[in-house]
Protein backbone atom coordinates (compact mmCIF):
# COMPACT_ATOMS: atom_id res chain seq x y z
CA MET A 1 -0.04 -0.27 -0.08
CA ALA A 2 1.19 3.43 -0.73
CA GLY A 3 -0.58 6.97 0.27
CA LEU A 4 -1.43 7.19 3.97
CA PRO A 5 0.45 4.37 6.20
CA VAL A 6 -1.65 1.83 7.96
CA ASP A 7 -1.66 2.46 11.58
CA HIS A 8 -3.63 -0.57 12.77
CA ILE A 9 -6.11 -2.93 11.71
CA VAL A 10 -9.45 -3.66 14.17
CA TYR A 11 -10.77 -7.14 14.76
CA ALA A 12 -14.38 -6.86 16.27
CA ALA A 13 -15.31 -9.75 18.59
CA ARG A 14 -18.34 -10.84 20.48
CA ASP A 15 -16.51 -12.30 23.37
CA LEU A 16 -13.29 -10.76 23.77
CA PRO A 17 -11.35 -12.99 25.68
CA ALA A 18 -12.56 -15.97 23.48
CA ALA A 19 -11.59 -14.15 20.73
CA VAL A 20 -8.27 -13.32 22.07
CA GLU A 21 -7.40 -17.39 22.44
CA ASP A 22 -8.80 -18.01 19.04
CA LEU A 23 -6.37 -15.39 17.54
CA ALA A 24 -3.41 -16.65 19.58
CA ALA A 25 -4.13 -20.22 18.31
CA GLN A 26 -4.34 -19.16 14.78
CA LEU A 27 -1.17 -16.60 14.96
CA GLY A 28 1.07 -18.22 17.46
CA VAL A 29 1.40 -15.13 19.26
CA ARG A 30 -0.77 -13.56 21.68
CA ALA A 31 -2.21 -9.71 22.12
CA ALA A 32 -1.88 -7.93 25.34
CA PRO A 33 -4.31 -6.06 27.32
CA GLY A 34 -4.84 -2.58 26.04
CA GLY A 35 -7.35 -0.78 28.20
CA GLN A 36 -11.04 0.31 28.42
CA HIS A 37 -12.61 2.86 26.45
CA VAL A 38 -14.91 4.34 29.43
CA GLY A 39 -18.18 5.48 28.52
CA ARG A 40 -18.30 3.45 25.19
CA GLY A 41 -18.67 -0.05 26.66
CA THR A 42 -15.57 -1.86 25.08
CA ARG A 43 -11.86 -2.59 25.95
CA ASN A 44 -9.13 -4.14 23.77
CA PHE A 45 -6.11 -5.76 23.34
CA LEU A 46 -3.05 -5.48 21.28
CA LEU A 47 -0.81 -6.79 19.01
CA SER A 48 2.32 -5.02 17.26
CA LEU A 49 2.45 -6.37 13.43
CA GLY A 50 6.04 -5.31 12.84
CA ASP A 51 7.44 -2.16 11.74
CA GLY A 52 4.72 0.56 12.47
CA PRO A 53 0.98 -1.09 12.56
CA TYR A 54 -0.46 -3.24 15.23
CA LEU A 55 -3.70 -5.17 15.52
CA GLU A 56 -6.49 -4.04 17.93
CA VAL A 57 -8.90 -6.70 18.93
CA ILE A 58 -12.15 -4.88 20.49
CA GLY A 59 -15.28 -6.33 22.35
CA PRO A 60 -17.85 -5.58 24.86
CA ASP A 61 -16.42 -4.82 28.45
CA PRO A 62 -18.35 -6.70 31.02
CA ASP A 63 -17.02 -4.27 33.70
CA GLN A 64 -18.68 -1.37 32.44
CA PRO A 65 -22.17 -0.62 32.46
CA GLU A 66 -24.41 -0.74 28.89
CA PRO A 67 -23.51 2.38 27.14
CA PRO A 68 -25.72 5.25 26.27
CA ALA A 69 -25.13 4.53 22.59
CA ALA A 70 -24.20 1.58 20.26
CA ARG A 71 -20.81 0.25 21.18
CA PRO A 72 -18.32 1.01 18.27
CA PHE A 73 -17.61 -1.12 15.40
CA GLY A 74 -21.10 -2.56 15.17
CA VAL A 75 -19.66 -4.86 18.35
CA ASP A 76 -23.30 -5.12 19.52
CA THR A 77 -24.61 -6.76 16.48
CA LEU A 78 -21.90 -8.73 15.41
CA ALA A 79 -22.70 -12.20 13.42
CA ALA A 80 -19.22 -13.56 13.71
CA ASP A 81 -15.88 -11.86 14.73
CA HIS A 82 -14.09 -10.31 11.95
CA LEU A 83 -11.91 -7.47 10.58
CA VAL A 84 -14.45 -4.22 10.74
CA GLY A 85 -12.17 -1.80 9.81
CA PHE A 86 -8.33 -0.12 9.78
CA ALA A 87 -6.78 3.32 10.35
CA VAL A 88 -4.33 5.49 8.70
CA LYS A 89 -1.61 7.67 10.02
CA CYS A 90 -2.47 11.53 9.63
CA ALA A 91 -0.72 14.27 11.17
CA ASP A 92 -2.98 16.95 9.63
CA ILE A 93 -6.34 15.32 10.29
CA PRO A 94 -8.11 18.71 9.60
CA GLY A 95 -6.61 19.39 6.23
CA ALA A 96 -7.01 15.72 4.93
CA VAL A 97 -10.54 16.06 6.11
CA ALA A 98 -11.02 19.17 4.01
CA ARG A 99 -9.24 17.53 0.92
CA SER A 100 -11.32 14.42 1.36
CA ARG A 101 -14.65 16.32 1.38
CA ALA A 102 -13.59 18.38 -1.79
CA GLY A 103 -12.90 14.90 -3.44
CA GLY A 104 -16.76 14.06 -2.64
CA TYR A 105 -16.02 11.72 0.52
CA ASP A 106 -16.90 12.89 4.04
CA PRO A 107 -14.83 11.03 6.38
CA GLY A 108 -16.47 13.10 9.57
CA ASP A 109 -14.83 15.59 11.84
CA GLU A 110 -11.87 15.14 14.13
CA HIS A 111 -12.54 14.04 17.82
CA GLU A 112 -10.24 13.61 20.90
CA MET A 113 -9.86 10.36 22.59
CA ALA A 114 -7.98 9.18 25.70
CA ARG A 115 -7.67 5.85 27.66
CA ALA A 116 -5.60 4.33 30.39
CA THR A 117 -3.41 1.51 29.79
CA PRO A 118 -3.33 -1.50 32.54
CA ASP A 119 -0.12 0.42 34.34
CA GLY A 120 -1.93 3.53 34.49
CA ALA A 121 -0.23 5.71 31.57
CA LEU A 122 -2.67 7.89 29.91
CA LEU A 123 -2.92 7.67 26.24
CA GLU A 124 -4.40 10.41 23.90
CA TRP A 125 -5.25 10.64 20.30
CA LYS A 126 -7.25 12.11 17.76
CA LEU A 127 -9.28 10.38 15.13
CA THR A 128 -12.27 10.49 12.92
CA LEU A 129 -14.98 8.63 13.44
CA GLY A 130 -15.74 5.68 11.01
CA PRO A 131 -14.79 3.77 9.22
CA GLY A 132 -16.95 3.76 6.08
CA PHE A 133 -18.10 1.65 3.23
CA ASP A 134 -18.35 -1.56 5.66
CA GLY A 135 -14.69 -1.03 7.18
CA LEU A 136 -12.98 -0.75 3.59
CA VAL A 137 -12.30 3.27 3.86
CA PRO A 138 -10.30 3.65 6.99
CA PHE A 139 -10.43 6.32 9.67
CA LEU A 140 -7.62 8.93 10.20
CA ILE A 141 -5.52 8.86 13.61
CA ASP A 142 -2.82 10.87 15.11
CA TRP A 143 -1.15 9.93 18.08
CA MET A 144 0.35 13.12 18.85
CA ALA A 145 2.76 12.84 21.68
CA THR A 146 1.68 9.28 22.98
CA PRO A 147 4.01 6.56 22.35
CA HIS A 148 2.46 4.49 19.66
CA PRO A 149 1.02 1.16 20.51
CA SER A 150 3.23 -0.85 18.10
CA ALA A 151 6.24 0.25 19.89
CA THR A 152 4.77 -0.64 23.43
CA ASN A 153 2.75 -4.04 22.79
CA PRO A 154 4.26 -7.66 22.09
CA GLY A 155 5.07 -8.55 18.52
CA GLY A 156 6.10 -11.75 16.53
CA ALA A 157 3.43 -11.28 13.66
CA THR A 158 3.88 -9.23 10.50
CA LEU A 159 1.54 -7.03 8.41
CA VAL A 160 2.40 -8.15 4.89
CA GLY A 161 -0.84 -7.23 2.90
CA LEU A 162 -4.34 -5.65 3.22
CA ARG A 163 -7.10 -6.01 0.43
CA GLY A 164 -10.51 -5.31 0.31
CA GLU A 165 -13.68 -7.06 -1.41
CA HIS A 166 -16.97 -5.44 -1.98
CA PRO A 167 -19.80 -5.90 -4.34
CA GLU A 168 -19.71 -2.19 -5.57
CA PRO A 169 -15.96 -1.60 -5.39
CA ALA A 170 -16.12 1.58 -7.64
CA GLY A 171 -17.89 3.62 -4.91
CA VAL A 172 -15.11 2.19 -2.07
CA ARG A 173 -12.19 3.10 -4.71
CA ALA A 174 -13.76 6.56 -5.26
CA ALA A 175 -14.05 7.26 -1.33
CA LEU A 176 -10.25 5.87 -0.95
CA ASP A 177 -9.18 8.29 -3.51
CA ALA A 178 -10.66 11.35 -2.02
CA LEU A 179 -9.02 10.41 1.11
CA GLY A 180 -5.73 9.67 -0.42
CA VAL A 181 -5.56 6.08 0.75
CA GLU A 182 -4.41 3.02 -1.62
CA LEU A 183 -6.23 0.01 -1.18
CA ASP A 184 -6.73 -2.82 -3.70
CA VAL A 185 -10.54 -3.58 -3.72
CA ALA A 186 -11.85 -6.44 -5.82
CA GLU A 187 -15.55 -6.94 -6.55
CA GLY A 188 -16.62 -9.57 -4.09
CA PRO A 189 -20.26 -10.91 -3.01
CA ALA A 190 -19.93 -9.53 0.48
CA PRO A 191 -17.74 -6.77 1.91
CA ALA A 192 -14.18 -7.98 3.20
CA LEU A 193 -11.32 -6.47 4.78
CA VAL A 194 -8.28 -9.00 4.63
CA ALA A 195 -5.10 -8.73 6.06
CA THR A 196 -2.15 -11.21 5.51
CA LEU A 197 0.30 -11.76 8.21
CA ASP A 198 3.53 -13.46 8.48
CA THR A 199 3.44 -15.53 11.69
CA PRO A 200 4.92 -18.15 13.82
CA ARG A 201 2.32 -20.32 12.56
CA GLY A 202 3.26 -19.40 8.72
CA ARG A 203 1.53 -16.93 6.61
CA VAL A 204 -2.34 -16.56 7.81
CA GLU A 205 -4.95 -14.86 6.13
CA LEU A 206 -7.44 -12.85 8.81
CA ARG A 207 -10.85 -11.52 7.76
C-alpha cells in the first residue's frame, strides 16, 4: 500500500477473551491487554504487527455498564468475529478531512480520545469516527505525543498485505481516492477486509 500508512487494523469480537485465545491459536502470538474505552462499553487487546502497524482486538467490556449509545465497530450486532476496519496515520487530520470532502467523501470531523493503559499511563489521540463502506475506507488517526501502541505491545507477527472485497468496488475506490489512501479492492459477494500476516504459524489470512 502507498498513500497514508496503515496505523492499525481492527478485529471486532462478541466475546473478547475468547477471541484473544482464538487469535493466539491461529497466529502463534498473543495480544496483550490494552485498556477500557470508558463510557463506550468496550475494551481492547493489542498486538504489534512489525514496523509500524498493530492489531486491535475490540469487544464488550463486562466491567462497564451498558453504554448510552451503540458500541463502536458494530460490536453489539456482530454475527461473527471479523476484521471491521483500519486506521491510517495522519498528522494533519483537519487538512485531510477538508481535501477528502472536496473530493466527494466525508470522513467525519476530528475527535479527541483518551484511555488508560493497564499500568496507569494515559494515552491520548485524535481521530475521525468511522470507518466507512463496511470498513474498507479507513478512519484517520494522530497519536500526537503519545508513544505508538506498536512500540509498547508484544509482537511476533508482521502485516504483509491488506486488501478489500466489495459488491460495488467503484464507490469504495472513489472514497479511498478522495481520502488519499491506496487499497486494492476487488469485486466480491460481500464486503470484506482481508489482512495477510506472517506469523510463527506461517502465513495467515485474517478476515
